N, C-alpha and C. Protein backbone atom coordinates (compact mmCIF):
# COMPACT_ATOMS: atom_id res chain seq x y z
N MET A 1 124.22 109.91 163.79
CA MET A 1 123.23 108.95 163.33
C MET A 1 123.85 107.58 163.25
N SER A 2 123.06 106.56 163.59
CA SER A 2 123.55 105.20 163.48
C SER A 2 123.47 104.74 162.03
N ALA A 3 124.13 103.67 161.71
CA ALA A 3 124.18 103.16 160.34
C ALA A 3 122.79 102.82 159.80
N PRO A 4 121.90 102.15 160.58
CA PRO A 4 120.57 101.85 160.04
C PRO A 4 119.76 103.11 159.74
N GLN A 5 119.89 104.15 160.60
CA GLN A 5 119.15 105.39 160.35
C GLN A 5 119.67 106.08 159.09
N SER A 6 120.99 106.08 158.87
CA SER A 6 121.57 106.71 157.68
C SER A 6 121.11 105.99 156.42
N ALA A 7 121.07 104.66 156.47
CA ALA A 7 120.63 103.89 155.30
C ALA A 7 119.16 104.19 155.00
N ALA A 8 118.34 104.27 156.03
CA ALA A 8 116.92 104.56 155.83
C ALA A 8 116.74 105.97 155.27
N ARG A 9 117.52 106.91 155.77
CA ARG A 9 117.43 108.30 155.28
C ARG A 9 117.83 108.36 153.80
N ARG A 10 118.89 107.67 153.40
CA ARG A 10 119.32 107.63 152.00
C ARG A 10 118.22 107.05 151.12
N THR A 11 117.56 106.01 151.58
CA THR A 11 116.48 105.39 150.82
C THR A 11 115.34 106.38 150.59
N VAL A 12 114.98 107.10 151.64
CA VAL A 12 113.91 108.10 151.53
C VAL A 12 114.32 109.20 150.54
N LEU A 13 115.56 109.67 150.66
CA LEU A 13 116.02 110.73 149.77
C LEU A 13 116.07 110.27 148.31
N LYS A 14 116.52 109.04 148.10
CA LYS A 14 116.56 108.50 146.73
C LYS A 14 115.14 108.40 146.16
N GLY A 15 114.20 107.97 146.99
CA GLY A 15 112.81 107.87 146.54
C GLY A 15 112.24 109.24 146.19
N ALA A 16 112.55 110.24 147.00
CA ALA A 16 112.07 111.60 146.73
C ALA A 16 112.67 112.11 145.43
N ALA A 17 113.96 111.85 145.22
CA ALA A 17 114.62 112.29 143.99
C ALA A 17 114.00 111.61 142.77
N ALA A 18 113.69 110.33 142.90
CA ALA A 18 113.06 109.61 141.79
C ALA A 18 111.68 110.18 141.47
N LEU A 19 110.90 110.50 142.51
CA LEU A 19 109.58 111.10 142.30
C LEU A 19 109.70 112.47 141.64
N ALA A 20 110.64 113.27 142.07
CA ALA A 20 110.84 114.60 141.48
C ALA A 20 111.23 114.46 140.02
N GLY A 21 112.09 113.50 139.72
CA GLY A 21 112.49 113.27 138.33
C GLY A 21 111.32 112.85 137.47
N ALA A 22 110.47 111.99 138.00
CA ALA A 22 109.30 111.53 137.26
C ALA A 22 108.33 112.69 137.02
N ALA A 23 108.16 113.54 138.02
CA ALA A 23 107.27 114.70 137.87
C ALA A 23 107.82 115.64 136.81
N GLY A 24 109.14 115.84 136.81
CA GLY A 24 109.76 116.70 135.80
C GLY A 24 109.59 116.14 134.40
N ALA A 25 109.73 114.84 134.25
CA ALA A 25 109.53 114.21 132.95
C ALA A 25 108.09 114.35 132.50
N GLY A 26 107.16 114.22 133.43
CA GLY A 26 105.75 114.40 133.08
C GLY A 26 105.47 115.81 132.62
N ALA A 27 106.08 116.80 133.27
CA ALA A 27 105.89 118.19 132.88
C ALA A 27 106.49 118.43 131.50
N ALA A 28 107.63 117.83 131.22
CA ALA A 28 108.25 118.00 129.91
C ALA A 28 107.36 117.40 128.83
N LEU A 29 106.77 116.25 129.09
CA LEU A 29 105.88 115.64 128.11
C LEU A 29 104.62 116.47 127.93
N THR A 30 104.12 117.05 129.00
CA THR A 30 102.95 117.91 128.90
C THR A 30 103.26 119.12 128.03
N ALA A 31 104.46 119.67 128.15
CA ALA A 31 104.83 120.83 127.34
C ALA A 31 104.86 120.46 125.86
N CYS A 32 105.05 119.20 125.56
CA CYS A 32 105.12 118.73 124.19
C CYS A 32 103.77 118.19 123.73
N SER A 33 102.77 118.32 124.54
CA SER A 33 101.46 117.76 124.25
C SER A 33 100.80 118.43 123.06
N THR A 34 100.15 117.64 122.22
CA THR A 34 99.41 118.21 121.10
C THR A 34 98.13 118.87 121.58
N GLN A 35 97.62 118.45 122.74
CA GLN A 35 96.38 119.05 123.22
C GLN A 35 96.56 120.51 123.56
N THR A 36 97.72 120.90 124.09
CA THR A 36 97.93 122.30 124.44
C THR A 36 98.15 123.16 123.20
N ASN A 37 98.44 122.56 122.07
CA ASN A 37 98.74 123.32 120.86
C ASN A 37 97.76 123.07 119.72
N SER A 38 96.76 122.22 119.94
CA SER A 38 95.86 121.92 118.82
C SER A 38 94.40 122.16 119.15
N GLY A 39 94.10 122.54 120.36
CA GLY A 39 92.71 122.77 120.71
C GLY A 39 91.98 121.49 121.04
N GLY A 40 92.69 120.47 121.48
CA GLY A 40 92.05 119.22 121.87
C GLY A 40 92.13 118.17 120.79
N ASN A 41 91.20 117.27 120.83
CA ASN A 41 91.22 116.14 119.92
C ASN A 41 90.30 116.33 118.72
N THR A 42 90.17 117.55 118.24
CA THR A 42 89.32 117.81 117.08
C THR A 42 90.02 117.31 115.82
N PRO A 43 89.25 116.98 114.77
CA PRO A 43 89.85 116.44 113.55
C PRO A 43 90.79 117.44 112.88
N ALA A 44 91.74 116.89 112.11
CA ALA A 44 92.72 117.73 111.40
C ALA A 44 92.08 118.49 110.25
N THR A 45 90.99 117.97 109.71
CA THR A 45 90.30 118.64 108.61
C THR A 45 88.82 118.79 108.98
N PRO A 46 88.16 119.82 108.45
CA PRO A 46 86.76 120.04 108.81
C PRO A 46 85.87 118.87 108.39
N THR A 47 84.89 118.56 109.21
CA THR A 47 83.94 117.50 108.88
C THR A 47 82.66 118.08 108.30
N ALA A 48 82.53 119.40 108.31
CA ALA A 48 81.38 120.10 107.74
C ALA A 48 81.91 121.41 107.16
N PRO A 49 81.17 122.04 106.25
CA PRO A 49 81.63 123.31 105.68
C PRO A 49 81.88 124.37 106.76
N VAL A 50 82.98 125.12 106.59
CA VAL A 50 83.38 126.14 107.54
C VAL A 50 83.53 127.47 106.80
N ASP A 51 82.80 128.50 107.25
CA ASP A 51 82.92 129.83 106.67
C ASP A 51 84.15 130.49 107.27
N LEU A 52 85.12 130.84 106.41
CA LEU A 52 86.37 131.44 106.88
C LEU A 52 86.37 132.96 106.81
N GLY A 53 85.37 133.54 106.18
CA GLY A 53 85.34 134.99 106.07
C GLY A 53 85.61 135.44 104.65
N ALA A 54 85.95 136.70 104.51
CA ALA A 54 86.14 137.32 103.20
C ALA A 54 87.30 136.69 102.44
N ALA A 55 87.04 136.35 101.19
CA ALA A 55 88.09 135.80 100.33
C ALA A 55 89.21 136.81 100.15
N SER A 56 88.88 138.08 100.19
CA SER A 56 89.88 139.14 100.02
C SER A 56 90.89 139.20 101.17
N ASP A 57 90.64 138.48 102.25
CA ASP A 57 91.59 138.43 103.38
C ASP A 57 92.83 137.62 103.03
N VAL A 58 92.76 136.79 101.98
CA VAL A 58 93.90 135.99 101.56
C VAL A 58 94.54 136.70 100.36
N PRO A 59 95.75 137.22 100.51
CA PRO A 59 96.36 137.99 99.42
C PRO A 59 96.75 137.11 98.23
N VAL A 60 96.60 137.63 97.04
CA VAL A 60 97.03 136.92 95.84
C VAL A 60 98.54 136.71 95.95
N GLY A 61 98.97 135.46 95.73
CA GLY A 61 100.38 135.12 95.86
C GLY A 61 100.81 134.86 97.30
N GLY A 62 99.86 134.90 98.23
CA GLY A 62 100.17 134.70 99.65
C GLY A 62 99.27 133.67 100.28
N ALA A 63 99.24 133.67 101.58
CA ALA A 63 98.43 132.70 102.33
C ALA A 63 98.03 133.31 103.66
N LYS A 64 97.02 132.70 104.24
CA LYS A 64 96.55 133.12 105.56
C LYS A 64 96.35 131.89 106.43
N LEU A 65 96.76 132.02 107.68
CA LEU A 65 96.58 130.96 108.67
C LEU A 65 95.30 131.25 109.45
N TYR A 66 94.39 130.28 109.47
CA TYR A 66 93.18 130.34 110.28
C TYR A 66 93.42 129.36 111.43
N ARG A 67 94.22 129.77 112.38
CA ARG A 67 94.69 128.87 113.44
C ARG A 67 93.53 128.26 114.23
N GLU A 68 92.53 129.07 114.57
CA GLU A 68 91.41 128.56 115.37
C GLU A 68 90.62 127.50 114.60
N ARG A 69 90.70 127.52 113.27
CA ARG A 69 90.01 126.52 112.43
C ARG A 69 90.96 125.43 111.96
N LYS A 70 92.24 125.56 112.33
CA LYS A 70 93.28 124.62 111.93
C LYS A 70 93.38 124.49 110.41
N LEU A 71 93.38 125.64 109.73
CA LEU A 71 93.46 125.67 108.27
C LEU A 71 94.44 126.74 107.79
N ILE A 72 95.04 126.45 106.64
CA ILE A 72 95.84 127.43 105.91
C ILE A 72 95.21 127.53 104.52
N VAL A 73 95.01 128.76 104.05
CA VAL A 73 94.49 128.97 102.70
C VAL A 73 95.48 129.82 101.94
N SER A 74 95.85 129.37 100.74
CA SER A 74 96.73 130.15 99.88
C SER A 74 95.93 130.57 98.65
N CYS A 75 96.43 131.63 98.00
CA CYS A 75 95.78 132.15 96.79
C CYS A 75 96.86 132.30 95.72
N PRO A 76 97.08 131.24 94.92
CA PRO A 76 98.14 131.30 93.91
C PRO A 76 97.85 132.29 92.78
N ALA A 77 96.58 132.55 92.51
CA ALA A 77 96.18 133.49 91.46
C ALA A 77 94.81 134.05 91.82
N GLU A 78 94.49 135.19 91.28
CA GLU A 78 93.21 135.86 91.56
C GLU A 78 92.05 134.86 91.42
N GLY A 79 91.26 134.72 92.48
CA GLY A 79 90.08 133.86 92.45
C GLY A 79 90.35 132.37 92.61
N ARG A 80 91.61 131.97 92.76
CA ARG A 80 91.95 130.55 92.95
C ARG A 80 92.49 130.36 94.36
N TYR A 81 92.00 129.34 95.04
CA TYR A 81 92.39 129.11 96.43
C TYR A 81 92.73 127.64 96.63
N LYS A 82 93.68 127.40 97.53
CA LYS A 82 94.03 126.05 97.97
C LYS A 82 94.06 126.08 99.49
N ALA A 83 93.54 125.03 100.09
CA ALA A 83 93.52 124.96 101.55
C ALA A 83 94.15 123.66 102.03
N PHE A 84 94.77 123.74 103.19
CA PHE A 84 95.41 122.59 103.82
C PHE A 84 95.12 122.62 105.31
N SER A 85 95.16 121.44 105.91
CA SER A 85 95.08 121.37 107.36
C SER A 85 96.30 122.10 107.91
N ALA A 86 96.13 122.82 109.00
CA ALA A 86 97.25 123.49 109.66
C ALA A 86 97.73 122.69 110.86
N GLN A 87 97.34 121.41 110.90
CA GLN A 87 97.76 120.54 112.00
C GLN A 87 98.95 119.72 111.52
N CYS A 88 100.09 119.90 112.19
CA CYS A 88 101.32 119.22 111.80
C CYS A 88 101.12 117.71 111.76
N THR A 89 101.68 117.10 110.71
CA THR A 89 101.54 115.65 110.53
C THR A 89 102.52 114.87 111.40
N HIS A 90 103.37 115.55 112.15
CA HIS A 90 104.30 114.85 113.03
C HIS A 90 103.63 114.48 114.35
N ALA A 91 103.17 115.48 115.10
CA ALA A 91 102.60 115.21 116.42
C ALA A 91 101.25 115.89 116.64
N GLY A 92 100.72 116.53 115.61
CA GLY A 92 99.38 117.10 115.71
C GLY A 92 99.28 118.52 116.21
N CYS A 93 100.40 119.18 116.45
CA CYS A 93 100.34 120.58 116.89
C CYS A 93 99.85 121.46 115.75
N VAL A 94 99.18 122.54 116.09
CA VAL A 94 98.68 123.47 115.08
C VAL A 94 99.78 124.48 114.75
N LEU A 95 99.99 124.69 113.46
CA LEU A 95 100.99 125.66 113.03
C LEU A 95 100.66 127.02 113.65
N ASP A 96 101.70 127.79 113.95
CA ASP A 96 101.47 129.05 114.67
C ASP A 96 101.71 130.30 113.84
N LYS A 97 102.39 130.18 112.70
CA LYS A 97 102.63 131.36 111.88
C LYS A 97 103.10 130.95 110.49
N ILE A 98 103.03 131.94 109.60
CA ILE A 98 103.54 131.78 108.24
C ILE A 98 104.64 132.83 108.07
N VAL A 99 105.82 132.38 107.67
CA VAL A 99 106.94 133.27 107.42
C VAL A 99 107.52 132.93 106.06
N GLU A 100 107.50 133.90 105.15
CA GLU A 100 108.05 133.73 103.81
C GLU A 100 107.54 132.46 103.13
N GLY A 101 106.24 132.25 103.19
CA GLY A 101 105.63 131.11 102.50
C GLY A 101 105.76 129.78 103.20
N GLU A 102 106.27 129.79 104.42
CA GLU A 102 106.44 128.55 105.18
C GLU A 102 105.59 128.58 106.44
N GLY A 103 104.83 127.50 106.66
CA GLY A 103 104.08 127.34 107.89
C GLY A 103 104.97 126.71 108.93
N ASN A 104 104.95 127.24 110.14
CA ASN A 104 105.83 126.80 111.21
C ASN A 104 105.07 126.01 112.26
N CYS A 105 105.62 124.86 112.64
CA CYS A 105 105.08 124.10 113.77
C CYS A 105 105.86 124.49 115.02
N PRO A 106 105.17 125.03 116.03
CA PRO A 106 105.87 125.50 117.23
C PRO A 106 106.38 124.39 118.14
N CYS A 107 105.89 123.17 117.96
CA CYS A 107 106.26 122.09 118.88
C CYS A 107 107.64 121.50 118.60
N HIS A 108 107.92 121.17 117.34
CA HIS A 108 109.17 120.49 117.03
C HIS A 108 109.89 121.09 115.83
N GLY A 109 109.38 122.21 115.29
CA GLY A 109 110.10 122.91 114.24
C GLY A 109 109.86 122.47 112.81
N SER A 110 108.90 121.59 112.57
CA SER A 110 108.62 121.22 111.18
C SER A 110 108.17 122.46 110.42
N ARG A 111 108.48 122.48 109.12
CA ARG A 111 108.06 123.59 108.26
C ARG A 111 107.42 123.01 107.01
N PHE A 112 106.37 123.73 106.56
CA PHE A 112 105.59 123.28 105.41
C PHE A 112 105.44 124.41 104.40
N ASP A 113 105.44 124.06 103.12
CA ASP A 113 105.14 125.02 102.05
C ASP A 113 103.63 125.27 102.11
N VAL A 114 103.22 126.51 102.34
CA VAL A 114 101.80 126.80 102.52
C VAL A 114 101.02 126.79 101.21
N SER A 115 101.71 126.77 100.07
CA SER A 115 100.99 126.72 98.80
C SER A 115 100.80 125.29 98.28
N THR A 116 101.55 124.33 98.85
CA THR A 116 101.44 122.94 98.40
C THR A 116 101.20 121.95 99.54
N GLY A 117 101.48 122.35 100.78
CA GLY A 117 101.38 121.45 101.92
C GLY A 117 102.60 120.58 102.11
N LYS A 118 103.56 120.68 101.20
CA LYS A 118 104.76 119.84 101.22
C LYS A 118 105.64 120.13 102.44
N VAL A 119 106.23 119.07 103.00
CA VAL A 119 107.16 119.21 104.13
C VAL A 119 108.46 119.83 103.61
N LEU A 120 108.91 120.91 104.23
CA LEU A 120 110.18 121.54 103.88
C LEU A 120 111.29 121.13 104.83
N SER A 121 110.94 120.91 106.10
CA SER A 121 111.90 120.37 107.06
C SER A 121 111.14 119.67 108.17
N GLY A 122 111.74 118.59 108.67
CA GLY A 122 111.08 117.73 109.64
C GLY A 122 111.27 118.19 111.06
N PRO A 123 110.76 117.36 111.94
CA PRO A 123 110.61 115.92 111.87
C PRO A 123 109.40 115.39 111.11
N ALA A 124 108.42 116.22 110.75
CA ALA A 124 107.27 115.72 109.97
C ALA A 124 107.80 115.12 108.67
N ASP A 125 107.16 114.04 108.23
CA ASP A 125 107.58 113.42 106.97
C ASP A 125 106.42 113.23 105.99
N ARG A 126 105.24 113.72 106.36
CA ARG A 126 104.07 113.66 105.48
C ARG A 126 103.54 115.07 105.24
N PRO A 127 103.07 115.35 104.04
CA PRO A 127 102.54 116.69 103.74
C PRO A 127 101.25 116.97 104.51
N LEU A 128 100.90 118.23 104.59
CA LEU A 128 99.63 118.62 105.20
C LEU A 128 98.49 118.15 104.30
N PRO A 129 97.43 117.58 104.86
CA PRO A 129 96.30 117.13 104.03
C PRO A 129 95.60 118.32 103.36
N GLU A 130 95.28 118.14 102.08
CA GLU A 130 94.54 119.18 101.36
C GLU A 130 93.08 119.16 101.80
N VAL A 131 92.48 120.33 101.82
CA VAL A 131 91.08 120.50 102.23
C VAL A 131 90.37 121.24 101.11
N PRO A 132 89.20 120.76 100.68
CA PRO A 132 88.47 121.50 99.63
C PRO A 132 88.12 122.90 100.12
N VAL A 133 88.25 123.87 99.24
CA VAL A 133 87.89 125.26 99.57
C VAL A 133 87.31 125.91 98.33
N ARG A 134 86.34 126.78 98.54
CA ARG A 134 85.72 127.49 97.42
C ARG A 134 85.34 128.89 97.86
N SER A 135 85.16 129.74 96.87
CA SER A 135 84.70 131.11 97.15
C SER A 135 83.22 131.19 96.76
N GLU A 136 82.41 131.64 97.69
CA GLU A 136 80.97 131.81 97.45
C GLU A 136 80.58 133.22 97.87
N ASN A 137 80.12 134.01 96.91
CA ASN A 137 79.68 135.37 97.21
C ASN A 137 80.75 136.17 97.95
N GLY A 138 82.02 135.99 97.55
CA GLY A 138 83.10 136.74 98.15
C GLY A 138 83.60 136.21 99.48
N ARG A 139 83.09 135.05 99.90
CA ARG A 139 83.51 134.44 101.17
C ARG A 139 84.14 133.08 100.89
N LEU A 140 85.09 132.71 101.72
CA LEU A 140 85.72 131.40 101.59
C LEU A 140 85.00 130.39 102.45
N VAL A 141 84.77 129.22 101.86
CA VAL A 141 84.14 128.10 102.58
C VAL A 141 85.04 126.89 102.40
N ALA A 142 85.49 126.33 103.50
CA ALA A 142 86.35 125.16 103.48
C ALA A 142 85.57 123.95 103.94
N GLY A 143 85.97 122.79 103.41
CA GLY A 143 85.35 121.54 103.84
C GLY A 143 84.27 121.07 102.91
């Protein structure tokens, strides 16, 4: 190959490498997207009352994650309930599980106390917003 052809080939290869790198960065950002983990751009707290089902589904002294509703409900004592948004205050991902009283954010590892909404470990630095919840005829209604 002559020198001009080699230089042109290097330019093309560098451009292809730059495009591949940009595509990889876009894929990495997509993997970190709140839309893939939160169900879209829906609000962090209900805008209308939401029936969550039987109050007995939340154990006394425990909590239940209603992931599809983006809510966590705890029951500190018989007949008393507290609810919080299950949408992480860091990047908006929905918590994916409760382990030993801690809600886990699958995106960046933030952990929250499910009975208070308090941040236990970051990167989140704001507590989960509290959501009104009540028991009506043995069913929980949030919002």
